[in-house]
Amino acid sequence: MTVFHVAKNTNYTVMSNHHLRNRELSLKAKGLLSQMLSLPERWDYTLQGLAYINREQLDAIRQAVHELERAGYIVRKRERDNRGRLRGAEYTIYEKPQPPSNQPALE
């Protein structure tokens, strides 16, 4: 019988297992979300910042972020200026998926 042992150290992250057990998410999305949850809050969460610490290119990171957004683990809020023009976006990363903004939360 094959046996795996986990050797833990002091630099670790505690997070929900929800996304890791979600069969609807790709392994790439699970890994990126795990990494994002492990980073400090002030990290450069741009696509370029995430690509910098991974070997995947921007397109692969973008695809994983969009997948996490569709699944509700990342929620994007568009920022507009006083004329209504888009000026950026604010992203919130969750350990458990959030319902679409037009539906009430289920608890």
PDB file of N, CA and C in Angstrom:
ATOM      1  N   MET A   1       0.837  -1.169   0.000  1.00  0.00           N
ATOM      2  CA  MET A   1       0.000   0.000   0.000  1.00  0.00           C
ATOM      3  C   MET A   1       0.888   1.240   0.000  1.00  0.00           C
ATOM      4  N   THR A   2       0.564   2.198  -0.846  1.00  0.00           N
ATOM      5  CA  THR A   2       1.294   3.456  -0.907  1.00  0.00           C
ATOM      6  C   THR A   2       0.802   4.374   0.207  1.00  0.00           C
ATOM      7  N   VAL A   3       1.753   5.016   0.879  1.00  0.00           N
ATOM      8  CA  VAL A   3       1.417   5.915   1.987  1.00  0.00           C
ATOM      9  C   VAL A   3       2.037   7.277   1.713  1.00  0.00           C
ATOM     10  N   PHE A   4       1.233   8.328   1.904  1.00  0.00           N
ATOM     11  CA  PHE A   4       1.727   9.694   1.789  1.00  0.00           C
ATOM     12  C   PHE A   4       1.751  10.308   3.173  1.00  0.00           C
ATOM     13  N   HIS A   5       2.836  10.996   3.498  1.00  0.00           N
ATOM     14  CA  HIS A   5       2.948  11.723   4.758  1.00  0.00           C
ATOM     15  C   HIS A   5       3.043  13.204   4.441  1.00  0.00           C
ATOM     16  N   VAL A   6       2.435  14.037   5.266  1.00  0.00           N
ATOM     17  CA  VAL A   6       2.495  15.480   5.098  1.00  0.00           C
ATOM     18  C   VAL A   6       3.437  16.041   6.150  1.00  0.00           C
ATOM     19  N   ALA A   7       4.507  16.650   5.704  1.00  0.00           N
ATOM     20  CA  ALA A   7       5.461  17.289   6.614  1.00  0.00           C
ATOM     21  C   ALA A   7       5.129  18.775   6.649  1.00  0.00           C
ATOM     22  N   LYS A   8       4.533  19.226   7.743  1.00  0.00           N
ATOM     23  CA  LYS A   8       4.112  20.620   7.863  1.00  0.00           C
ATOM     24  C   LYS A   8       5.218  21.459   8.476  1.00  0.00           C
ATOM     25  N   ASN A   9       5.198  22.737   8.124  1.00  0.00           N
ATOM     26  CA  ASN A   9       6.142  23.665   8.718  1.00  0.00           C
ATOM     27  C   ASN A   9       5.367  24.857   9.293  1.00  0.00           C
ATOM     28  N   THR A  10       6.064  25.903   9.649  1.00  0.00           N
ATOM     29  CA  THR A  10       5.397  27.033  10.290  1.00  0.00           C
ATOM     30  C   THR A  10       4.786  28.008   9.303  1.00  0.00           C
ATOM     31  N   ASN A  11       5.090  27.919   8.035  1.00  0.00           N
ATOM     32  CA  ASN A  11       4.548  28.832   7.039  1.00  0.00           C
ATOM     33  C   ASN A  11       3.397  28.133   6.310  1.00  0.00           C
ATOM     34  N   TYR A  12       2.191  28.243   6.844  1.00  0.00           N
ATOM     35  CA  TYR A  12       1.053  27.546   6.260  1.00  0.00           C
ATOM     36  C   TYR A  12      -0.171  28.459   6.263  1.00  0.00           C
ATOM     37  N   THR A  13      -1.195  28.037   5.558  1.00  0.00           N
ATOM     38  CA  THR A  13      -2.430  28.798   5.424  1.00  0.00           C
ATOM     39  C   THR A  13      -3.597  27.932   5.856  1.00  0.00           C
ATOM     40  N   VAL A  14      -4.507  28.523   6.593  1.00  0.00           N
ATOM     41  CA  VAL A  14      -5.749  27.855   6.973  1.00  0.00           C
ATOM     42  C   VAL A  14      -6.853  28.431   6.088  1.00  0.00           C
ATOM     43  N   MET A  15      -7.561  27.558   5.394  1.00  0.00           N
ATOM     44  CA  MET A  15      -8.652  28.004   4.528  1.00  0.00           C
ATOM     45  C   MET A  15      -9.728  26.937   4.481  1.00  0.00           C
ATOM     46  N   SER A  16     -10.877  27.327   4.011  1.00  0.00           N
ATOM     47  CA  SER A  16     -11.985  26.396   3.845  1.00  0.00           C
ATOM     48  C   SER A  16     -11.628  25.343   2.797  1.00  0.00           C
ATOM     49  N   ASN A  17     -12.151  24.152   2.969  1.00  0.00           N
ATOM     50  CA  ASN A  17     -11.979  23.084   1.980  1.00  0.00           C
ATOM     51  C   ASN A  17     -13.032  23.154   0.881  1.00  0.00           C
ATOM     52  N   HIS A  18     -13.966  24.080   1.004  1.00  0.00           N
ATOM     53  CA  HIS A  18     -15.109  24.129   0.091  1.00  0.00           C
ATOM     54  C   HIS A  18     -14.677  24.116  -1.376  1.00  0.00           C
ATOM     55  N   HIS A  19     -13.801  25.037  -1.758  1.00  0.00           N
ATOM     56  CA  HIS A  19     -13.413  25.113  -3.169  1.00  0.00           C
ATOM     57  C   HIS A  19     -12.591  23.901  -3.598  1.00  0.00           C
ATOM     58  N   LEU A  20     -11.843  23.318  -2.681  1.00  0.00           N
ATOM     59  CA  LEU A  20     -11.029  22.154  -3.021  1.00  0.00           C
ATOM     60  C   LEU A  20     -11.884  20.926  -3.310  1.00  0.00           C
ATOM     61  N   ARG A  21     -13.066  20.889  -2.749  1.00  0.00           N
ATOM     62  CA  ARG A  21     -13.967  19.747  -2.942  1.00  0.00           C
ATOM     63  C   ARG A  21     -15.066  20.024  -3.959  1.00  0.00           C
ATOM     64  N   ASN A  22     -15.047  21.203  -4.548  1.00  0.00           N
ATOM     65  CA  ASN A  22     -16.049  21.586  -5.534  1.00  0.00           C
ATOM     66  C   ASN A  22     -15.677  20.963  -6.878  1.00  0.00           C
ATOM     67  N   ARG A  23     -16.421  19.965  -7.281  1.00  0.00           N
ATOM     68  CA  ARG A  23     -16.124  19.233  -8.518  1.00  0.00           C
ATOM     69  C   ARG A  23     -16.391  20.063  -9.771  1.00  0.00           C
ATOM     70  N   GLU A  24     -17.076  21.188  -9.619  1.00  0.00           N
ATOM     71  CA  GLU A  24     -17.373  22.051 -10.762  1.00  0.00           C
ATOM     72  C   GLU A  24     -16.180  22.933 -11.146  1.00  0.00           C
ATOM     73  N   LEU A  25     -15.214  23.081 -10.250  1.00  0.00           N
ATOM     74  CA  LEU A  25     -14.048  23.921 -10.526  1.00  0.00           C
ATOM     75  C   LEU A  25     -12.916  23.097 -11.130  1.00  0.00           C
ATOM     76  N   SER A  26     -12.210  23.703 -12.059  1.00  0.00           N
ATOM     77  CA  SER A  26     -11.025  23.044 -12.621  1.00  0.00           C
ATOM     78  C   SER A  26      -9.905  23.056 -11.583  1.00  0.00           C
ATOM     79  N   LEU A  27      -8.951  22.187 -11.782  1.00  0.00           N
ATOM     80  CA  LEU A  27      -7.797  22.142 -10.882  1.00  0.00           C
ATOM     81  C   LEU A  27      -7.039  23.469 -10.921  1.00  0.00           C
ATOM     82  N   LYS A  28      -6.977  24.090 -12.097  1.00  0.00           N
ATOM     83  CA  LYS A  28      -6.304  25.383 -12.235  1.00  0.00           C
ATOM     84  C   LYS A  28      -6.992  26.442 -11.372  1.00  0.00           C
ATOM     85  N   ALA A  29      -8.328  26.493 -11.397  1.00  0.00           N
ATOM     86  CA  ALA A  29      -9.071  27.476 -10.599  1.00  0.00           C
ATOM     87  C   ALA A  29      -8.917  27.193  -9.109  1.00  0.00           C
ATOM     88  N   LYS A  30      -8.938  25.921  -8.727  1.00  0.00           N
ATOM     89  CA  LYS A  30      -8.754  25.557  -7.316  1.00  0.00           C
ATOM     90  C   LYS A  30      -7.383  26.003  -6.820  1.00  0.00           C
ATOM     91  N   GLY A  31      -6.367  25.766  -7.638  1.00  0.00           N
ATOM     92  CA  GLY A  31      -5.015  26.141  -7.253  1.00  0.00           C
ATOM     93  C   GLY A  31      -4.844  27.642  -7.156  1.00  0.00           C
ATOM     94  N   LEU A  32      -5.395  28.379  -8.120  1.00  0.00           N
ATOM     95  CA  LEU A  32      -5.267  29.831  -8.082  1.00  0.00           C
ATOM     96  C   LEU A  32      -6.001  30.414  -6.886  1.00  0.00           C
ATOM     97  N   LEU A  33      -7.216  29.923  -6.610  1.00  0.00           N
ATOM     98  CA  LEU A  33      -7.949  30.425  -5.447  1.00  0.00           C
ATOM     99  C   LEU A  33      -7.205  30.100  -4.157  1.00  0.00           C
ATOM    100  N   SER A  34      -6.656  28.913  -4.044  1.00  0.00           N
ATOM    101  CA  SER A  34      -5.873  28.557  -2.855  1.00  0.00           C
ATOM    102  C   SER A  34      -4.691  29.503  -2.700  1.00  0.00           C
ATOM    103  N   GLN A  35      -4.022  29.779  -3.804  1.00  0.00           N
ATOM    104  CA  GLN A  35      -2.879  30.691  -3.749  1.00  0.00           C
ATOM    105  C   GLN A  35      -3.324  32.094  -3.358  1.00  0.00           C
ATOM    106  N   MET A  36      -4.416  32.569  -3.950  1.00  0.00           N
ATOM    107  CA  MET A  36      -4.903  33.914  -3.638  1.00  0.00           C
ATOM    108  C   MET A  36      -5.287  34.032  -2.162  1.00  0.00           C
ATOM    109  N   LEU A  37      -5.897  32.985  -1.618  1.00  0.00           N
ATOM    110  CA  LEU A  37      -6.280  33.007  -0.203  1.00  0.00           C
ATOM    111  C   LEU A  37      -5.063  32.959   0.718  1.00  0.00           C
ATOM    112  N   SER A  38      -3.942  32.495   0.197  1.00  0.00           N
ATOM    113  CA  SER A  38      -2.740  32.394   1.026  1.00  0.00           C
ATOM    114  C   SER A  38      -1.893  33.667   1.018  1.00  0.00           C
ATOM    115  N   LEU A  39      -2.163  34.556   0.079  1.00  0.00           N
ATOM    116  CA  LEU A  39      -1.354  35.771  -0.062  1.00  0.00           C
ATOM    117  C   LEU A  39      -1.808  36.856   0.912  1.00  0.00           C
ATOM    118  N   PRO A  40      -0.900  37.764   1.277  1.00  0.00           N
ATOM    119  CA  PRO A  40      -1.285  38.874   2.151  1.00  0.00           C
ATOM    120  C   PRO A  40      -2.317  39.772   1.470  1.00  0.00           C
ATOM    121  N   GLU A  41      -3.134  40.438   2.268  1.00  0.00           N
ATOM    122  CA  GLU A  41      -4.216  41.261   1.721  1.00  0.00           C
ATOM    123  C   GLU A  41      -3.699  42.367   0.802  1.00  0.00           C
ATOM    124  N   ARG A  42      -2.535  42.872   1.056  1.00  0.00           N
ATOM    125  CA  ARG A  42      -1.992  43.976   0.254  1.00  0.00           C
ATOM    126  C   ARG A  42      -1.202  43.486  -0.971  1.00  0.00           C
ATOM    127  N   TRP A  43      -1.299  42.226  -1.304  1.00  0.00           N
ATOM    128  CA  TRP A  43      -0.593  41.675  -2.455  1.00  0.00           C
ATOM    129  C   TRP A  43      -1.095  42.336  -3.741  1.00  0.00           C
ATOM    130  N   ASP A  44      -0.289  42.309  -4.787  1.00  0.00           N
ATOM    131  CA  ASP A  44      -0.656  42.823  -6.108  1.00  0.00           C
ATOM    132  C   ASP A  44      -1.523  41.773  -6.795  1.00  0.00           C
ATOM    133  N   TYR A  45      -2.836  41.888  -6.613  1.00  0.00           N
ATOM    134  CA  TYR A  45      -3.760  40.903  -7.157  1.00  0.00           C
ATOM    135  C   TYR A  45      -4.131  41.176  -8.613  1.00  0.00           C
ATOM    136  N   THR A  46      -3.308  41.900  -9.337  1.00  0.00           N
ATOM    137  CA  THR A  46      -3.561  42.083 -10.764  1.00  0.00           C
ATOM    138  C   THR A  46      -3.217  40.787 -11.484  1.00  0.00           C
ATOM    139  N   LEU A  47      -3.698  40.683 -12.718  1.00  0.00           N
ATOM    140  CA  LEU A  47      -3.341  39.508 -13.515  1.00  0.00           C
ATOM    141  C   LEU A  47      -1.828  39.411 -13.670  1.00  0.00           C
ATOM    142  N   GLN A  48      -1.181  40.561 -13.858  1.00  0.00           N
ATOM    143  CA  GLN A  48       0.270  40.580 -14.007  1.00  0.00           C
ATOM    144  C   GLN A  48       0.953  40.140 -12.705  1.00  0.00           C
ATOM    145  N   GLY A  49       0.430  40.586 -11.565  1.00  0.00           N
ATOM    146  CA  GLY A  49       1.003  40.203 -10.280  1.00  0.00           C
ATOM    147  C   GLY A  49       0.875  38.712 -10.028  1.00  0.00           C
ATOM    148  N   LEU A  50      -0.267  38.135 -10.402  1.00  0.00           N
ATOM    149  CA  LEU A  50      -0.471  36.694 -10.227  1.00  0.00           C
ATOM    150  C   LEU A  50       0.372  35.893 -11.224  1.00  0.00           C
ATOM    151  N   ALA A  51       0.488  36.401 -12.448  1.00  0.00           N
ATOM    152  CA  ALA A  51       1.315  35.696 -13.441  1.00  0.00           C
ATOM    153  C   ALA A  51       2.782  35.734 -13.040  1.00  0.00           C
ATOM    154  N   TYR A  52       3.201  36.802 -12.375  1.00  0.00           N
ATOM    155  CA  TYR A  52       4.596  36.948 -11.972  1.00  0.00           C
ATOM    156  C   TYR A  52       5.042  35.825 -11.027  1.00  0.00           C
ATOM    157  N   ILE A  53       4.140  35.361 -10.170  1.00  0.00           N
ATOM    158  CA  ILE A  53       4.509  34.327  -9.193  1.00  0.00           C
ATOM    159  C   ILE A  53       4.115  32.925  -9.655  1.00  0.00           C
ATOM    160  N   ASN A  54       3.651  32.803 -10.886  1.00  0.00           N
ATOM    161  CA  ASN A  54       3.279  31.511 -11.452  1.00  0.00           C
ATOM    162  C   ASN A  54       3.961  31.344 -12.798  1.00  0.00           C
ATOM    163  N   ARG A  55       3.968  30.135 -13.297  1.00  0.00           N
ATOM    164  CA  ARG A  55       4.570  29.940 -14.614  1.00  0.00           C
ATOM    165  C   ARG A  55       3.547  30.090 -15.727  1.00  0.00           C
ATOM    166  N   GLU A  56       2.261  30.153 -15.375  1.00  0.00           N
ATOM    167  CA  GLU A  56       1.221  30.357 -16.375  1.00  0.00           C
ATOM    168  C   GLU A  56       1.264  31.794 -16.889  1.00  0.00           C
ATOM    169  N   GLN A  57       0.846  31.952 -18.116  1.00  0.00           N
ATOM    170  CA  GLN A  57       0.802  33.275 -18.742  1.00  0.00           C
ATOM    171  C   GLN A  57      -0.500  33.993 -18.363  1.00  0.00           C
ATOM    172  N   LEU A  58      -0.591  35.252 -18.753  1.00  0.00           N
ATOM    173  CA  LEU A  58      -1.756  36.075 -18.411  1.00  0.00           C
ATOM    174  C   LEU A  58      -3.075  35.448 -18.838  1.00  0.00           C
ATOM    175  N   ASP A  59      -3.129  34.849 -20.023  1.00  0.00           N
ATOM    176  CA  ASP A  59      -4.385  34.269 -20.503  1.00  0.00           C
ATOM    177  C   ASP A  59      -4.870  33.148 -19.593  1.00  0.00           C
ATOM    178  N   ALA A  60      -3.969  32.308 -19.119  1.00  0.00           N
ATOM    179  CA  ALA A  60      -4.351  31.211 -18.229  1.00  0.00           C
ATOM    180  C   ALA A  60      -4.835  31.749 -16.885  1.00  0.00           C
ATOM    181  N   ILE A  61      -4.173  32.773 -16.370  1.00  0.00           N
ATOM    182  CA  ILE A  61      -4.597  33.389 -15.108  1.00  0.00           C
ATOM    183  C   ILE A  61      -5.961  34.038 -15.305  1.00  0.00           C
ATOM    184  N   ARG A  62      -6.134  34.751 -16.406  1.00  0.00           N
ATOM    185  CA  ARG A  62      -7.412  35.411 -16.708  1.00  0.00           C
ATOM    186  C   ARG A  62      -8.538  34.387 -16.783  1.00  0.00           C
ATOM    187  N   GLN A  63      -8.313  33.259 -17.452  1.00  0.00           N
ATOM    188  CA  GLN A  63      -9.336  32.215 -17.569  1.00  0.00           C
ATOM    189  C   GLN A  63      -9.726  31.679 -16.198  1.00  0.00           C
ATOM    190  N   ALA A  64      -8.740  31.446 -15.339  1.00  0.00           N
ATOM    191  CA  ALA A  64      -9.026  30.925 -14.000  1.00  0.00           C
ATOM    192  C   ALA A  64      -9.794  31.955 -13.168  1.00  0.00           C
ATOM    193  N   VAL A  65      -9.413  33.232 -13.274  1.00  0.00           N
ATOM    194  CA  VAL A  65     -10.127  34.287 -12.545  1.00  0.00           C
ATOM    195  C   VAL A  65     -11.569  34.365 -13.027  1.00  0.00           C
ATOM    196  N   HIS A  66     -11.796  34.296 -14.334  1.00  0.00           N
ATOM    197  CA  HIS A  66     -13.167  34.333 -14.868  1.00  0.00           C
ATOM    198  C   HIS A  66     -13.973  33.118 -14.401  1.00  0.00           C
ATOM    199  N   GLU A  67     -13.335  31.966 -14.360  1.00  0.00           N
ATOM    200  CA  GLU A  67     -14.017  30.765 -13.867  1.00  0.00           C
ATOM    201  C   GLU A  67     -14.425  30.950 -12.408  1.00  0.00           C
ATOM    202  N   LEU A  68     -13.529  31.483 -11.587  1.00  0.00           N
ATOM    203  CA  LEU A  68     -13.837  31.721 -10.175  1.00  0.00           C
ATOM    204  C   LEU A  68     -14.921  32.783 -10.021  1.00  0.00           C
ATOM    205  N   GLU A  69     -14.918  33.751 -10.912  1.00  0.00           N
ATOM    206  CA  GLU A  69     -15.965  34.782 -10.877  1.00  0.00           C
ATOM    207  C   GLU A  69     -17.325  34.176 -11.239  1.00  0.00           C
ATOM    208  N   ARG A  70     -17.368  33.364 -12.283  1.00  0.00           N
ATOM    209  CA  ARG A  70     -18.626  32.708 -12.670  1.00  0.00           C
ATOM    210  C   ARG A  70     -19.153  31.806 -11.566  1.00  0.00           C
ATOM    211  N   ALA A  71     -18.246  31.172 -10.827  1.00  0.00           N
ATOM    212  CA  ALA A  71     -18.636  30.255  -9.747  1.00  0.00           C
ATOM    213  C   ALA A  71     -18.974  30.992  -8.452  1.00  0.00           C
ATOM    214  N   GLY A  72     -18.720  32.303  -8.377  1.00  0.00           N
ATOM    215  CA  GLY A  72     -19.072  33.083  -7.197  1.00  0.00           C
ATOM    216  C   GLY A  72     -17.989  33.217  -6.145  1.00  0.00           C
ATOM    217  N   TYR A  73     -16.793  32.691  -6.417  1.00  0.00           N
ATOM    218  CA  TYR A  73     -15.696  32.805  -5.448  1.00  0.00           C
ATOM    219  C   TYR A  73     -15.014  34.172  -5.532  1.00  0.00           C
ATOM    220  N   ILE A  74     -15.142  34.828  -6.665  1.00  0.00           N
ATOM    221  CA  ILE A  74     -14.639  36.189  -6.840  1.00  0.00           C
ATOM    222  C   ILE A  74     -15.817  37.042  -7.295  1.00  0.00           C
ATOM    223  N   VAL A  75     -16.025  38.168  -6.612  1.00  0.00           N
ATOM    224  CA  VAL A  75     -17.108  39.086  -6.966  1.00  0.00           C
ATOM    225  C   VAL A  75     -16.469  40.396  -7.411  1.00  0.00           C
ATOM    226  N   ARG A  76     -16.872  40.850  -8.593  1.00  0.00           N
ATOM    227  CA  ARG A  76     -16.326  42.081  -9.167  1.00  0.00           C
ATOM    228  C   ARG A  76     -17.347  43.205  -9.057  1.00  0.00           C
ATOM    229  N   LYS A  77     -16.897  44.338  -8.595  1.00  0.00           N
ATOM    230  CA  LYS A  77     -17.725  45.537  -8.525  1.00  0.00           C
ATOM    231  C   LYS A  77     -17.066  46.583  -9.417  1.00  0.00           C
ATOM    232  N   ARG A  78     -17.764  47.035 -10.432  1.00  0.00           N
ATOM    233  CA  ARG A  78     -17.230  48.017 -11.372  1.00  0.00           C
ATOM    234  C   ARG A  78     -17.203  49.401 -10.737  1.00  0.00           C
ATOM    235  N   GLU A  79     -16.123  50.114 -10.946  1.00  0.00           N
ATOM    236  CA  GLU A  79     -15.999  51.487 -10.453  1.00  0.00           C
ATOM    237  C   GLU A  79     -16.160  52.440 -11.629  1.00  0.00           C
ATOM    238  N   ARG A  80     -16.979  53.484 -11.428  1.00  0.00           N
ATOM    239  CA  ARG A  80     -17.228  54.474 -12.476  1.00  0.00           C
ATOM    240  C   ARG A  80     -16.909  55.870 -11.948  1.00  0.00           C
ATOM    241  N   ASP A  81     -16.531  56.739 -12.859  1.00  0.00           N
ATOM    242  CA  ASP A  81     -16.283  58.121 -12.458  1.00  0.00           C
ATOM    243  C   ASP A  81     -17.600  58.889 -12.427  1.00  0.00           C
ATOM    244  N   ASN A  82     -17.541  60.189 -12.166  1.00  0.00           N
ATOM    245  CA  ASN A  82     -18.769  60.984 -12.038  1.00  0.00           C
ATOM    246  C   ASN A  82     -19.512  61.152 -13.357  1.00  0.00           C
ATOM    247  N   ARG A  83     -18.902  60.792 -14.465  1.00  0.00           N
ATOM    248  CA  ARG A  83     -19.572  60.826 -15.771  1.00  0.00           C
ATOM    249  C   ARG A  83     -20.103  59.453 -16.170  1.00  0.00           C
ATOM    250  N   GLY A  84     -19.919  58.469 -15.321  1.00  0.00           N
ATOM    251  CA  GLY A  84     -20.410  57.131 -15.603  1.00  0.00           C
ATOM    252  C   GLY A  84     -19.460  56.254 -16.398  1.00  0.00           C
ATOM    253  N   ARG A  85     -18.245  56.728 -16.650  1.00  0.00           N
ATOM    254  CA  ARG A  85     -17.266  55.944 -17.400  1.00  0.00           C
ATOM    255  C   ARG A  85     -16.575  54.947 -16.469  1.00  0.00           C
ATOM    256  N   LEU A  86     -16.290  53.773 -17.012  1.00  0.00           N
ATOM    257  CA  LEU A  86     -15.602  52.757 -16.219  1.00  0.00           C
ATOM    258  C   LEU A  86     -14.192  53.227 -15.886  1.00  0.00           C
ATOM    259  N   ARG A  87     -13.808  53.076 -14.619  1.00  0.00           N
ATOM    260  CA  ARG A  87     -12.490  53.506 -14.156  1.00  0.00           C
ATOM    261  C   ARG A  87     -11.735  52.388 -13.455  1.00  0.00           C
ATOM    262  N   GLY A  88     -12.269  51.215 -13.449  1.00  0.00           N
ATOM    263  CA  GLY A  88     -11.588  50.106 -12.797  1.00  0.00           C
ATOM    264  C   GLY A  88     -12.600  49.164 -12.166  1.00  0.00           C
ATOM    265  N   ALA A  89     -12.093  48.283 -11.358  1.00  0.00           N
ATOM    266  CA  ALA A  89     -12.957  47.307 -10.706  1.00  0.00           C
ATOM    267  C   ALA A  89     -12.369  46.949  -9.351  1.00  0.00           C
ATOM    268  N   GLU A  90     -13.253  46.590  -8.457  1.00  0.00           N
ATOM    269  CA  GLU A  90     -12.850  46.108  -7.138  1.00  0.00           C
ATOM    270  C   GLU A  90     -13.280  44.648  -7.053  1.00  0.00           C
ATOM    271  N   TYR A  91     -12.337  43.779  -6.728  1.00  0.00           N
ATOM    272  CA  TYR A  91     -12.609  42.354  -6.639  1.00  0.00           C
ATOM    273  C   TYR A  91     -12.567  41.928  -5.177  1.00  0.00           C
ATOM    274  N   THR A  92     -13.524  41.098  -4.778  1.00  0.00           N
ATOM    275  CA  THR A  92     -13.509  40.510  -3.448  1.00  0.00           C
ATOM    276  C   THR A  92     -13.408  38.998  -3.623  1.00  0.00           C
ATOM    277  N   ILE A  93     -12.489  38.392  -2.901  1.00  0.00           N
ATOM    278  CA  ILE A  93     -12.220  36.957  -2.999  1.00  0.00           C
ATOM    279  C   ILE A  93     -12.856  36.280  -1.793  1.00  0.00           C
ATOM    280  N   TYR A  94     -13.648  35.251  -2.014  1.00  0.00           N
ATOM    281  CA  TYR A  94     -14.357  34.539  -0.959  1.00  0.00           C
ATOM    282  C   TYR A  94     -13.920  33.084  -0.879  1.00  0.00           C
ATOM    283  N   GLU A  95     -13.989  32.522   0.323  1.00  0.00           N
ATOM    284  CA  GLU A  95     -13.690  31.097   0.498  1.00  0.00           C
ATOM    285  C   GLU A  95     -14.852  30.224   0.065  1.00  0.00           C
ATOM    286  N   LYS A  96     -16.063  30.758   0.125  1.00  0.00           N
ATOM    287  CA  LYS A  96     -17.253  30.037  -0.323  1.00  0.00           C
ATOM    288  C   LYS A  96     -17.952  30.905  -1.357  1.00  0.00           C
ATOM    289  N   PRO A  97     -18.572  30.278  -2.357  1.00  0.00           N
ATOM    290  CA  PRO A  97     -19.189  31.067  -3.424  1.00  0.00           C
ATOM    291  C   PRO A  97     -20.343  31.926  -2.913  1.00  0.00           C
ATOM    292  N   GLN A  98     -20.458  33.096  -3.517  1.00  0.00           N
ATOM    293  CA  GLN A  98     -21.518  34.029  -3.195  1.00  0.00           C
ATOM    294  C   GLN A  98     -22.604  33.917  -4.250  1.00  0.00           C
ATOM    295  N   PRO A  99     -23.865  34.100  -3.854  1.00  0.00           N
ATOM    296  CA  PRO A  99     -24.933  34.064  -4.857  1.00  0.00           C
ATOM    297  C   PRO A  99     -24.814  35.279  -5.770  1.00  0.00           C
ATOM    298  N   PRO A 100     -25.341  35.182  -6.980  1.00  0.00           N
ATOM    299  CA  PRO A 100     -25.337  36.356  -7.859  1.00  0.00           C
ATOM    300  C   PRO A 100     -26.006  37.531  -7.146  1.00  0.00           C
ATOM    301  N   SER A 101     -25.591  38.738  -7.461  1.00  0.00           N
ATOM    302  CA  SER A 101     -26.067  39.916  -6.751  1.00  0.00           C
ATOM    303  C   SER A 101     -27.570  40.136  -6.870  1.00  0.00           C
ATOM    304  N   ASN A 102     -28.211  39.516  -7.837  1.00  0.00           N
ATOM    305  CA  ASN A 102     -29.659  39.685  -7.992  1.00  0.00           C
ATOM    306  C   ASN A 102     -30.455  38.618  -7.239  1.00  0.00           C
ATOM    307  N   GLN A 103     -29.780  37.755  -6.472  1.00  0.00           N
ATOM    308  CA  GLN A 103     -30.462  36.724  -5.705  1.00  0.00           C
ATOM    309  C   GLN A 103     -30.086  36.859  -4.222  1.00  0.00           C
ATOM    310  N   PRO A 104     -31.018  36.561  -3.309  1.00  0.00           N
ATOM    311  CA  PRO A 104     -30.686  36.627  -1.889  1.00  0.00           C
ATOM    312  C   PRO A 104     -29.754  35.501  -1.478  1.00  0.00           C
ATOM    313  N   ALA A 105     -28.970  35.740  -0.442  1.00  0.00           N
ATOM    314  CA  ALA A 105     -28.041  34.728   0.069  1.00  0.00           C
ATOM    315  C   ALA A 105     -28.792  33.577   0.694  1.00  0.00           C
ATOM    316  N   LEU A 106     -28.307  32.371   0.507  1.00  0.00           N
ATOM    317  CA  LEU A 106     -28.903  31.181   1.114  1.00  0.00           C
ATOM    318  C   LEU A 106     -28.002  30.725   2.250  1.00  0.00           C
ATOM    319  N   GLU A 107     -28.505  30.635   3.426  1.00  0.00           N
ATOM    320  CA  GLU A 107     -27.714  30.176   4.581  1.00  0.00           C
ATOM    321  C   GLU A 107     -28.395  29.030   5.251  1.00  0.00           C
TER     322      GLU A 107
END
